N, C-alpha and C. Protein backbone atom coordinates (compact mmCIF):
# COMPACT_ATOMS: atom_id res chain seq x y z
N MET A 1 5.60 -57.42 48.89
CA MET A 1 4.64 -57.67 47.80
C MET A 1 3.89 -58.94 47.97
N LEU A 2 4.75 -60.03 48.17
CA LEU A 2 4.04 -61.34 48.43
C LEU A 2 3.06 -61.43 49.51
N PRO A 3 3.27 -60.75 50.70
CA PRO A 3 2.27 -60.86 51.75
C PRO A 3 0.85 -60.07 51.18
N LEU A 4 1.01 -59.06 50.47
CA LEU A 4 -0.11 -58.46 49.93
C LEU A 4 -0.82 -59.34 49.09
N VAL A 5 -0.28 -60.07 48.18
CA VAL A 5 -0.92 -60.93 47.26
C VAL A 5 -1.67 -62.08 48.12
N PHE A 6 -0.94 -62.55 49.17
CA PHE A 6 -1.63 -63.70 49.92
C PHE A 6 -2.84 -63.01 50.66
N PHE A 7 -2.69 -61.89 51.12
CA PHE A 7 -3.95 -61.28 51.80
C PHE A 7 -5.07 -61.04 50.92
N LEU A 8 -4.73 -60.61 49.64
CA LEU A 8 -5.80 -60.29 48.73
C LEU A 8 -6.42 -61.71 48.22
N VAL A 9 -5.62 -62.76 48.17
CA VAL A 9 -6.18 -64.00 47.88
C VAL A 9 -7.15 -64.59 48.95
N PHE A 10 -6.60 -64.34 50.20
CA PHE A 10 -7.48 -64.63 51.39
C PHE A 10 -8.71 -63.95 51.48
N ILE A 11 -8.69 -62.73 51.20
CA ILE A 11 -9.98 -61.99 51.10
C ILE A 11 -10.92 -62.39 49.95
N VAL A 12 -10.42 -62.68 48.79
CA VAL A 12 -11.21 -63.23 47.73
C VAL A 12 -11.81 -64.62 48.02
N ALA A 13 -10.98 -65.39 48.83
CA ALA A 13 -11.56 -66.77 49.19
C ALA A 13 -12.54 -66.62 50.19
N LEU A 14 -12.53 -65.66 51.07
CA LEU A 14 -13.61 -65.41 52.14
C LEU A 14 -14.87 -64.90 51.34
N LEU A 15 -14.68 -64.08 50.41
CA LEU A 15 -15.85 -63.56 49.69
C LEU A 15 -16.60 -64.62 48.88
N VAL A 16 -15.80 -65.47 48.42
CA VAL A 16 -16.33 -66.60 47.51
C VAL A 16 -17.04 -67.72 48.40
N LEU A 17 -16.48 -68.06 49.55
CA LEU A 17 -16.93 -69.06 50.44
C LEU A 17 -18.02 -68.61 51.31
N ILE A 18 -18.20 -67.33 51.68
CA ILE A 18 -19.28 -66.86 52.59
C ILE A 18 -20.24 -65.82 51.89
N PRO A 19 -21.32 -66.35 51.40
CA PRO A 19 -22.25 -65.53 50.57
C PRO A 19 -22.75 -64.40 51.34
N GLY A 20 -23.05 -64.50 52.59
CA GLY A 20 -23.55 -63.37 53.36
C GLY A 20 -22.69 -62.24 53.51
N LEU A 21 -21.36 -62.53 53.65
CA LEU A 21 -20.19 -61.50 53.75
C LEU A 21 -20.17 -60.78 52.40
N ARG A 22 -20.21 -61.60 51.36
CA ARG A 22 -20.20 -61.04 50.03
C ARG A 22 -21.18 -59.99 49.68
N GLU A 23 -22.55 -60.49 50.15
CA GLU A 23 -23.57 -59.61 49.78
C GLU A 23 -23.54 -58.24 50.59
N ARG A 24 -23.09 -58.41 51.85
CA ARG A 24 -23.01 -57.18 52.73
C ARG A 24 -21.89 -56.23 52.11
N ILE A 25 -20.83 -56.81 51.67
CA ILE A 25 -19.73 -56.08 51.09
C ILE A 25 -20.13 -55.43 49.83
N VAL A 26 -20.85 -56.09 48.98
CA VAL A 26 -21.21 -55.52 47.65
C VAL A 26 -22.34 -54.55 47.94
N GLU A 27 -23.25 -54.70 48.84
CA GLU A 27 -24.29 -53.61 49.23
C GLU A 27 -23.55 -52.42 49.83
N GLY A 28 -22.62 -52.60 50.61
CA GLY A 28 -21.85 -51.48 51.25
C GLY A 28 -21.16 -50.67 50.11
N LEU A 29 -20.51 -51.37 49.11
CA LEU A 29 -19.83 -50.73 48.01
C LEU A 29 -20.94 -49.92 47.18
N LYS A 30 -21.98 -50.50 46.86
CA LYS A 30 -23.06 -49.81 46.19
C LYS A 30 -23.45 -48.60 46.84
N ASN A 31 -23.86 -48.61 48.16
CA ASN A 31 -24.13 -47.50 48.92
C ASN A 31 -23.13 -46.43 48.96
N LEU A 32 -21.76 -46.85 49.01
CA LEU A 32 -20.72 -45.85 49.04
C LEU A 32 -20.62 -45.15 47.76
N THR A 33 -20.84 -45.80 46.55
CA THR A 33 -20.67 -45.20 45.32
C THR A 33 -21.88 -44.38 45.07
N ASP A 34 -23.06 -44.76 45.66
CA ASP A 34 -24.34 -43.86 45.42
C ASP A 34 -23.97 -42.57 46.22
N VAL A 35 -23.49 -42.63 47.45
CA VAL A 35 -23.14 -41.37 48.18
C VAL A 35 -22.17 -40.56 47.55
N TRP A 36 -21.09 -41.20 46.93
CA TRP A 36 -20.14 -40.41 46.21
C TRP A 36 -20.71 -39.70 44.96
N MET A 37 -21.51 -40.44 44.26
CA MET A 37 -22.23 -39.84 43.09
C MET A 37 -23.24 -38.69 43.42
N ILE A 38 -23.85 -38.87 44.46
CA ILE A 38 -24.81 -37.78 44.84
C ILE A 38 -23.92 -36.53 45.38
N GLU A 39 -22.90 -36.76 46.05
CA GLU A 39 -22.07 -35.72 46.42
C GLU A 39 -21.46 -34.89 45.29
N PHE A 40 -20.90 -35.74 44.32
CA PHE A 40 -20.36 -35.20 43.05
C PHE A 40 -21.45 -34.36 42.31
N LEU A 41 -22.64 -34.85 42.19
CA LEU A 41 -23.65 -34.17 41.44
C LEU A 41 -24.04 -32.87 42.14
N ARG A 42 -24.13 -32.97 43.41
CA ARG A 42 -24.51 -31.77 44.15
C ARG A 42 -23.40 -30.71 44.15
N GLY A 43 -22.23 -31.15 44.14
CA GLY A 43 -21.11 -30.21 44.13
C GLY A 43 -20.86 -29.61 42.81
N THR A 44 -21.17 -30.34 41.77
CA THR A 44 -20.97 -29.82 40.36
C THR A 44 -22.25 -29.10 39.80
N SER A 45 -23.33 -29.33 40.28
CA SER A 45 -24.55 -28.65 39.80
C SER A 45 -24.80 -27.40 40.45
N ARG A 46 -25.48 -26.52 39.70
CA ARG A 46 -25.73 -25.14 40.30
C ARG A 46 -27.27 -25.04 40.65
N PHE A 47 -27.82 -26.20 41.06
CA PHE A 47 -29.33 -26.12 41.36
C PHE A 47 -29.48 -25.43 42.67
N GLY A 48 -30.41 -24.43 42.58
CA GLY A 48 -30.90 -23.76 43.66
C GLY A 48 -30.06 -22.43 43.86
N VAL A 49 -29.04 -22.11 42.98
CA VAL A 49 -28.32 -20.92 43.05
C VAL A 49 -29.20 -19.60 42.81
N ASP A 50 -30.16 -19.82 41.86
CA ASP A 50 -31.01 -18.72 41.65
C ASP A 50 -32.28 -18.63 42.41
N LEU A 51 -32.34 -19.50 43.48
CA LEU A 51 -33.62 -19.40 44.23
C LEU A 51 -33.49 -18.20 45.25
N THR A 52 -34.69 -17.54 45.40
CA THR A 52 -34.80 -16.61 46.46
C THR A 52 -34.98 -17.21 47.87
N GLU A 53 -34.94 -16.40 48.84
CA GLU A 53 -35.06 -16.97 50.07
C GLU A 53 -36.39 -17.62 50.40
N GLU A 54 -37.42 -17.07 49.84
CA GLU A 54 -38.76 -17.65 49.82
C GLU A 54 -38.74 -18.92 49.14
N GLY A 55 -38.11 -19.03 47.97
CA GLY A 55 -38.13 -20.26 47.27
C GLY A 55 -37.31 -21.44 48.10
N ARG A 56 -36.23 -21.04 48.76
CA ARG A 56 -35.47 -21.90 49.63
C ARG A 56 -36.25 -22.43 50.72
N ALA A 57 -37.21 -21.60 51.32
CA ALA A 57 -38.03 -21.91 52.35
C ALA A 57 -39.07 -22.99 51.90
N GLU A 58 -39.65 -22.78 50.61
CA GLU A 58 -40.58 -23.60 50.14
C GLU A 58 -39.94 -24.89 49.85
N GLN A 59 -38.80 -24.99 49.34
CA GLN A 59 -38.15 -26.27 49.00
C GLN A 59 -37.91 -26.97 50.37
N ARG A 60 -37.63 -26.32 51.58
CA ARG A 60 -37.48 -27.03 52.69
C ARG A 60 -38.81 -27.55 53.15
N ARG A 61 -39.87 -26.85 52.96
CA ARG A 61 -41.21 -27.30 53.37
C ARG A 61 -41.54 -28.56 52.65
N TRP A 62 -41.34 -28.44 51.26
CA TRP A 62 -41.68 -29.66 50.45
C TRP A 62 -40.87 -30.93 50.95
N SER A 63 -39.58 -30.69 51.25
CA SER A 63 -38.72 -31.74 51.59
C SER A 63 -39.15 -32.31 52.89
N ALA A 64 -39.51 -31.49 53.83
CA ALA A 64 -40.12 -31.95 55.12
C ALA A 64 -41.39 -32.86 54.88
N GLN A 65 -42.18 -32.28 53.99
CA GLN A 65 -43.50 -32.98 53.67
C GLN A 65 -43.16 -34.40 53.11
N ARG A 66 -42.25 -34.50 52.24
CA ARG A 66 -41.80 -35.78 51.64
C ARG A 66 -41.25 -36.72 52.60
N MET A 67 -40.57 -36.25 53.61
CA MET A 67 -39.95 -37.05 54.61
C MET A 67 -41.06 -37.61 55.52
N ARG A 68 -42.16 -36.70 55.74
CA ARG A 68 -43.17 -37.17 56.72
C ARG A 68 -44.12 -38.27 55.95
N ASN A 69 -44.19 -38.03 54.63
CA ASN A 69 -44.95 -39.06 53.84
C ASN A 69 -44.25 -40.36 53.74
N LEU A 70 -42.83 -40.32 53.57
CA LEU A 70 -42.15 -41.61 53.54
C LEU A 70 -42.08 -42.24 54.84
N ARG A 71 -42.06 -41.64 55.96
CA ARG A 71 -42.11 -42.20 57.38
C ARG A 71 -43.46 -42.87 57.47
N GLY A 72 -44.53 -42.14 57.06
CA GLY A 72 -45.87 -42.79 57.13
C GLY A 72 -46.00 -44.03 56.40
N LEU A 73 -45.52 -43.98 55.10
CA LEU A 73 -45.60 -45.19 54.27
C LEU A 73 -44.79 -46.27 54.93
N ALA A 74 -43.57 -46.02 55.49
CA ALA A 74 -42.74 -47.08 56.10
C ALA A 74 -43.46 -47.65 57.27
N LEU A 75 -44.13 -46.84 58.02
CA LEU A 75 -44.88 -47.31 59.24
C LEU A 75 -45.95 -48.13 58.87
N ARG A 76 -46.80 -47.63 57.83
CA ARG A 76 -47.87 -48.58 57.36
C ARG A 76 -47.35 -49.90 56.75
N ALA A 77 -46.36 -49.88 56.02
CA ALA A 77 -45.76 -51.14 55.46
C ALA A 77 -45.31 -52.09 56.58
N LYS A 78 -44.62 -51.39 57.59
CA LYS A 78 -44.25 -52.33 58.78
C LYS A 78 -45.43 -52.86 59.51
N ARG A 79 -46.40 -52.17 59.70
CA ARG A 79 -47.59 -52.68 60.37
C ARG A 79 -48.26 -53.68 59.53
N ARG A 80 -48.34 -53.54 58.23
CA ARG A 80 -48.94 -54.52 57.36
C ARG A 80 -48.05 -55.90 57.28
N TYR A 81 -46.73 -55.74 57.29
CA TYR A 81 -45.84 -56.77 57.17
C TYR A 81 -45.87 -57.65 58.52
N THR A 82 -45.96 -56.94 59.65
CA THR A 82 -45.83 -57.70 60.85
C THR A 82 -47.26 -58.00 61.37
N GLY A 83 -48.33 -57.42 60.90
CA GLY A 83 -49.79 -57.87 61.18
C GLY A 83 -50.22 -57.06 62.42
N VAL A 84 -49.53 -56.06 62.75
CA VAL A 84 -49.96 -55.12 63.89
C VAL A 84 -50.87 -54.23 63.36
N GLN A 85 -52.06 -54.09 63.95
CA GLN A 85 -53.09 -53.19 63.57
C GLN A 85 -52.93 -51.85 64.36
N PRO A 86 -53.08 -50.74 63.82
CA PRO A 86 -52.97 -49.41 64.60
C PRO A 86 -54.26 -49.30 65.53
N LYS A 87 -54.04 -48.75 66.58
CA LYS A 87 -55.18 -48.50 67.54
C LYS A 87 -56.03 -47.44 67.01
N THR A 88 -57.37 -47.62 67.06
CA THR A 88 -58.23 -46.46 66.64
C THR A 88 -58.80 -45.83 67.83
N GLU A 89 -59.65 -44.81 67.64
CA GLU A 89 -60.31 -44.06 68.67
C GLU A 89 -61.31 -44.96 69.47
N ALA A 90 -61.86 -45.90 68.69
CA ALA A 90 -63.06 -46.72 69.22
C ALA A 90 -62.32 -47.84 70.18
N ASP A 91 -61.08 -48.20 70.13
CA ASP A 91 -60.60 -49.29 70.99
C ASP A 91 -60.44 -48.78 72.32
């Protein structure tokens, strides 16, 4: 029991003394709890049970469109942040 207590005190001391490590661990814990919550909600909800095959296909198309839009937004933001301009047909 005593070695476990010393180990926990050591871990807490590291987290207090090294802010970067603390932030990474806290962000990792937040991401983990988010994933758990999403999986719990997906598992307990009955969303999509009453969809037809056509409805499921439409949901997949909308999901793919949202992902393309998000990738485009991320690319534009990255270009704006780094100052890289996209090449145009005139170049």
